Structures are given as structure tokens and as C-alpha cells.
N, C-alpha and C. Protein backbone atom coordinates (compact mmCIF):
# COMPACT_ATOMS: atom_id res chain seq x y z
N MET A 1 -5.78 3.56 -24.77
CA MET A 1 -5.21 4.29 -23.67
C MET A 1 -4.46 5.53 -24.14
N ARG A 2 -3.86 5.46 -25.33
CA ARG A 2 -3.14 6.61 -25.84
C ARG A 2 -4.07 7.78 -26.15
N ALA A 3 -5.27 7.46 -26.63
CA ALA A 3 -6.23 8.53 -26.93
C ALA A 3 -6.64 9.23 -25.65
N PHE A 4 -6.85 8.48 -24.58
CA PHE A 4 -7.20 9.07 -23.29
C PHE A 4 -6.08 9.97 -22.80
N ASP A 5 -4.84 9.50 -22.90
CA ASP A 5 -3.69 10.30 -22.48
C ASP A 5 -3.58 11.59 -23.28
N ALA A 6 -3.81 11.52 -24.57
CA ALA A 6 -3.73 12.72 -25.41
C ALA A 6 -4.84 13.70 -25.06
N ILE A 7 -6.04 13.19 -24.84
CA ILE A 7 -7.16 14.07 -24.48
C ILE A 7 -6.90 14.73 -23.14
N MET A 8 -6.42 13.98 -22.17
CA MET A 8 -6.15 14.54 -20.85
C MET A 8 -5.00 15.55 -20.90
N ARG A 9 -3.99 15.30 -21.75
CA ARG A 9 -2.90 16.26 -21.89
C ARG A 9 -3.41 17.57 -22.46
N VAL A 10 -4.27 17.50 -23.47
CA VAL A 10 -4.83 18.71 -24.07
C VAL A 10 -5.71 19.43 -23.06
N LEU A 11 -6.55 18.69 -22.35
CA LEU A 11 -7.43 19.30 -21.35
C LEU A 11 -6.63 19.97 -20.24
N SER A 12 -5.60 19.28 -19.76
CA SER A 12 -4.75 19.85 -18.71
C SER A 12 -4.01 21.10 -19.21
N SER A 13 -3.57 21.07 -20.44
CA SER A 13 -2.90 22.25 -21.01
C SER A 13 -3.86 23.42 -21.16
N LEU A 14 -5.10 23.13 -21.56
CA LEU A 14 -6.09 24.21 -21.69
C LEU A 14 -6.43 24.82 -20.33
N ILE A 15 -6.53 23.99 -19.30
CA ILE A 15 -6.77 24.51 -17.96
C ILE A 15 -5.60 25.39 -17.52
N GLY A 16 -4.38 24.93 -17.77
CA GLY A 16 -3.20 25.73 -17.44
C GLY A 16 -3.17 27.04 -18.20
N LEU A 17 -3.59 27.01 -19.45
CA LEU A 17 -3.63 28.23 -20.25
C LEU A 17 -4.67 29.22 -19.69
N ALA A 18 -5.82 28.70 -19.28
CA ALA A 18 -6.85 29.57 -18.69
C ALA A 18 -6.38 30.17 -17.37
N VAL A 19 -5.69 29.39 -16.56
CA VAL A 19 -5.17 29.90 -15.28
C VAL A 19 -4.10 30.96 -15.53
N ALA A 20 -3.22 30.72 -16.50
CA ALA A 20 -2.19 31.71 -16.83
C ALA A 20 -2.81 33.00 -17.35
N ALA A 21 -3.87 32.88 -18.15
CA ALA A 21 -4.55 34.07 -18.66
C ALA A 21 -5.22 34.84 -17.53
N LEU A 22 -5.81 34.13 -16.58
CA LEU A 22 -6.43 34.78 -15.43
C LEU A 22 -5.38 35.54 -14.62
N GLY A 23 -4.23 34.92 -14.40
CA GLY A 23 -3.15 35.60 -13.69
C GLY A 23 -2.67 36.84 -14.42
N THR A 24 -2.63 36.77 -15.74
CA THR A 24 -2.22 37.93 -16.53
C THR A 24 -3.22 39.08 -16.40
N VAL A 25 -4.50 38.75 -16.38
CA VAL A 25 -5.53 39.78 -16.18
C VAL A 25 -5.35 40.43 -14.81
N TRP A 26 -5.09 39.63 -13.79
CA TRP A 26 -4.88 40.19 -12.45
C TRP A 26 -3.67 41.11 -12.42
N ILE A 27 -2.60 40.71 -13.11
CA ILE A 27 -1.41 41.58 -13.17
C ILE A 27 -1.76 42.90 -13.83
N LEU A 28 -2.45 42.85 -14.96
CA LEU A 28 -2.80 44.08 -15.68
C LEU A 28 -3.74 44.96 -14.86
N GLN A 29 -4.67 44.36 -14.13
CA GLN A 29 -5.55 45.15 -13.28
C GLN A 29 -4.77 45.77 -12.12
N GLY A 30 -3.88 45.02 -11.52
CA GLY A 30 -3.08 45.54 -10.42
C GLY A 30 -2.20 46.70 -10.85
N LEU A 31 -1.74 46.66 -12.11
CA LEU A 31 -0.92 47.75 -12.64
C LEU A 31 -1.75 48.88 -13.25
N ASN A 32 -3.08 48.74 -13.21
CA ASN A 32 -4.00 49.73 -13.74
C ASN A 32 -3.80 49.94 -15.25
N LEU A 33 -3.56 48.83 -15.97
CA LEU A 33 -3.32 48.91 -17.40
C LEU A 33 -4.50 48.44 -18.24
N ALA A 34 -5.35 47.60 -17.70
CA ALA A 34 -6.47 47.06 -18.47
C ALA A 34 -7.62 46.72 -17.53
N PHE A 35 -8.81 46.62 -18.11
CA PHE A 35 -10.01 46.24 -17.36
C PHE A 35 -10.14 47.10 -16.10
N ARG A 36 -10.28 48.37 -16.27
CA ARG A 36 -10.25 49.33 -15.17
C ARG A 36 -11.57 49.42 -14.42
N VAL A 37 -12.14 48.27 -14.14
CA VAL A 37 -13.39 48.21 -13.38
C VAL A 37 -13.22 47.15 -12.32
N GLY A 38 -13.50 47.49 -11.08
CA GLY A 38 -13.46 46.49 -10.03
C GLY A 38 -12.54 46.90 -8.89
N PHE A 39 -12.49 46.02 -7.90
CA PHE A 39 -11.74 46.33 -6.69
C PHE A 39 -10.24 46.09 -6.81
N MET A 40 -9.80 45.41 -7.87
CA MET A 40 -8.37 45.09 -8.02
C MET A 40 -7.58 46.19 -8.73
N VAL A 41 -8.27 47.13 -9.29
CA VAL A 41 -7.63 48.15 -10.12
C VAL A 41 -6.70 49.01 -9.26
N GLY A 42 -5.44 49.06 -9.67
CA GLY A 42 -4.46 49.91 -8.99
C GLY A 42 -3.97 49.36 -7.67
N GLN A 43 -4.36 48.18 -7.30
CA GLN A 43 -3.92 47.57 -6.04
C GLN A 43 -2.71 46.69 -6.33
N ARG A 44 -1.55 47.08 -5.82
CA ARG A 44 -0.29 46.42 -6.17
C ARG A 44 -0.21 44.96 -5.71
N GLN A 45 -0.95 44.58 -4.67
CA GLN A 45 -0.84 43.19 -4.22
C GLN A 45 -1.38 42.23 -5.27
N TRP A 46 -2.27 42.71 -6.16
CA TRP A 46 -2.82 41.84 -7.20
C TRP A 46 -1.80 41.56 -8.29
N VAL A 47 -0.77 42.39 -8.39
CA VAL A 47 0.33 42.08 -9.32
C VAL A 47 1.06 40.83 -8.84
N LEU A 48 1.33 40.76 -7.55
CA LEU A 48 1.99 39.59 -6.99
C LEU A 48 1.10 38.36 -7.08
N TYR A 49 -0.17 38.50 -6.70
CA TYR A 49 -1.10 37.36 -6.77
C TYR A 49 -1.24 36.88 -8.21
N GLY A 50 -1.33 37.80 -9.13
CA GLY A 50 -1.46 37.43 -10.54
C GLY A 50 -0.22 36.73 -11.07
N ALA A 51 0.95 37.20 -10.64
CA ALA A 51 2.19 36.56 -11.08
C ALA A 51 2.26 35.12 -10.56
N LEU A 52 1.85 34.91 -9.31
CA LEU A 52 1.86 33.56 -8.75
C LEU A 52 0.87 32.64 -9.48
N VAL A 53 -0.31 33.18 -9.78
CA VAL A 53 -1.32 32.39 -10.48
C VAL A 53 -0.86 32.09 -11.91
N ALA A 54 -0.26 33.08 -12.58
CA ALA A 54 0.23 32.87 -13.94
C ALA A 54 1.35 31.82 -13.96
N LEU A 55 2.24 31.87 -12.97
CA LEU A 55 3.30 30.86 -12.88
C LEU A 55 2.73 29.47 -12.63
N ALA A 56 1.68 29.39 -11.82
CA ALA A 56 1.03 28.10 -11.58
C ALA A 56 0.42 27.56 -12.88
N GLY A 57 -0.18 28.43 -13.68
CA GLY A 57 -0.73 27.99 -14.96
C GLY A 57 0.33 27.52 -15.92
N ILE A 58 1.44 28.23 -15.97
CA ILE A 58 2.55 27.83 -16.84
C ILE A 58 3.13 26.50 -16.36
N ALA A 59 3.25 26.34 -15.04
CA ALA A 59 3.76 25.08 -14.50
C ALA A 59 2.82 23.92 -14.84
N GLN A 60 1.52 24.18 -14.83
CA GLN A 60 0.54 23.14 -15.20
C GLN A 60 0.74 22.72 -16.66
N ILE A 61 0.94 23.67 -17.53
CA ILE A 61 1.16 23.36 -18.95
C ILE A 61 2.44 22.54 -19.12
N VAL A 62 3.52 22.98 -18.49
CA VAL A 62 4.79 22.27 -18.61
C VAL A 62 4.68 20.88 -18.03
N TRP A 63 4.09 20.75 -16.83
CA TRP A 63 3.97 19.46 -16.17
C TRP A 63 3.16 18.48 -17.00
N SER A 64 2.05 18.94 -17.55
CA SER A 64 1.21 18.02 -18.30
C SER A 64 1.88 17.54 -19.58
N ASN A 65 2.71 18.37 -20.18
CA ASN A 65 3.37 17.95 -21.42
C ASN A 65 4.64 17.14 -21.16
N ILE A 66 5.35 17.43 -20.09
CA ILE A 66 6.53 16.63 -19.76
C ILE A 66 6.10 15.26 -19.26
N ARG A 67 5.09 15.21 -18.41
CA ARG A 67 4.62 13.96 -17.84
C ARG A 67 4.14 13.02 -18.93
N SER A 68 3.43 13.54 -19.91
CA SER A 68 2.90 12.68 -20.96
C SER A 68 4.01 12.14 -21.86
N SER A 69 5.06 12.90 -22.06
CA SER A 69 6.15 12.40 -22.91
C SER A 69 6.93 11.31 -22.20
N ARG A 70 7.03 11.39 -20.88
CA ARG A 70 7.71 10.34 -20.12
C ARG A 70 6.89 9.07 -20.10
N SER A 71 5.58 9.22 -19.89
CA SER A 71 4.74 8.03 -19.75
C SER A 71 4.51 7.34 -21.09
N SER A 72 4.66 8.04 -22.19
CA SER A 72 4.43 7.42 -23.49
C SER A 72 5.68 6.77 -24.07
N SER A 73 6.76 6.75 -23.29
CA SER A 73 7.99 6.17 -23.80
C SER A 73 7.96 4.64 -23.79
N GLY A 74 6.93 4.07 -23.19
CA GLY A 74 6.80 2.62 -23.21
C GLY A 74 6.58 2.08 -21.82
N PRO A 75 6.18 0.83 -21.76
CA PRO A 75 5.91 0.25 -20.44
C PRO A 75 7.21 0.01 -19.68
N VAL A 76 7.13 0.15 -18.38
CA VAL A 76 8.26 -0.09 -17.52
C VAL A 76 8.09 -1.47 -16.93
N THR A 77 9.10 -2.28 -17.09
CA THR A 77 9.04 -3.63 -16.54
C THR A 77 9.95 -3.73 -15.34
N LYS A 78 9.44 -4.35 -14.31
CA LYS A 78 10.24 -4.56 -13.10
C LYS A 78 10.81 -5.97 -13.13
N ILE A 79 12.06 -6.06 -12.73
CA ILE A 79 12.72 -7.37 -12.73
C ILE A 79 12.76 -7.91 -11.32
């Protein structure tokens, strides 16, 4: 069970990292700083959308690593 938990933590962290990277790209496109091709270039609303998506990715990374450390502390017994 520990191997499954470790694999899922890594997978969840990688998904969060990909989402955070996507949000960063949207921010850079909205600010007209990178990837200057497409409909998002220079559109300020994509800075806000990208920031929200990047924060969601960071939250995913934090949640998956905090959750796994709590659950691996041992079994909880109810009295």
C-alpha cells in the first residue's frame, strides 16, 4: 500500500506541476512576454486566468504532499 501511495503522490505532484506551468504560460502570453502567437497574446484577462490556474496547480502539489504525510503517520484506531 505504501508503494501505491508514493506513486500516486508523485503522479499528483506531476499533474500539479503541469497545471502550474500551463498557468505560467498563460500569464506570460497575457503580458505579451513569451509565445507571441495566438489569441491570448496581450489580452490582460489571461493574466488573471493564468494566475488562478497556476495557484490551483501549486495547491495540488501542496495538497498531495501534505495529505500523504498525514496518512503515512500510521493507522488510526477508533475506540
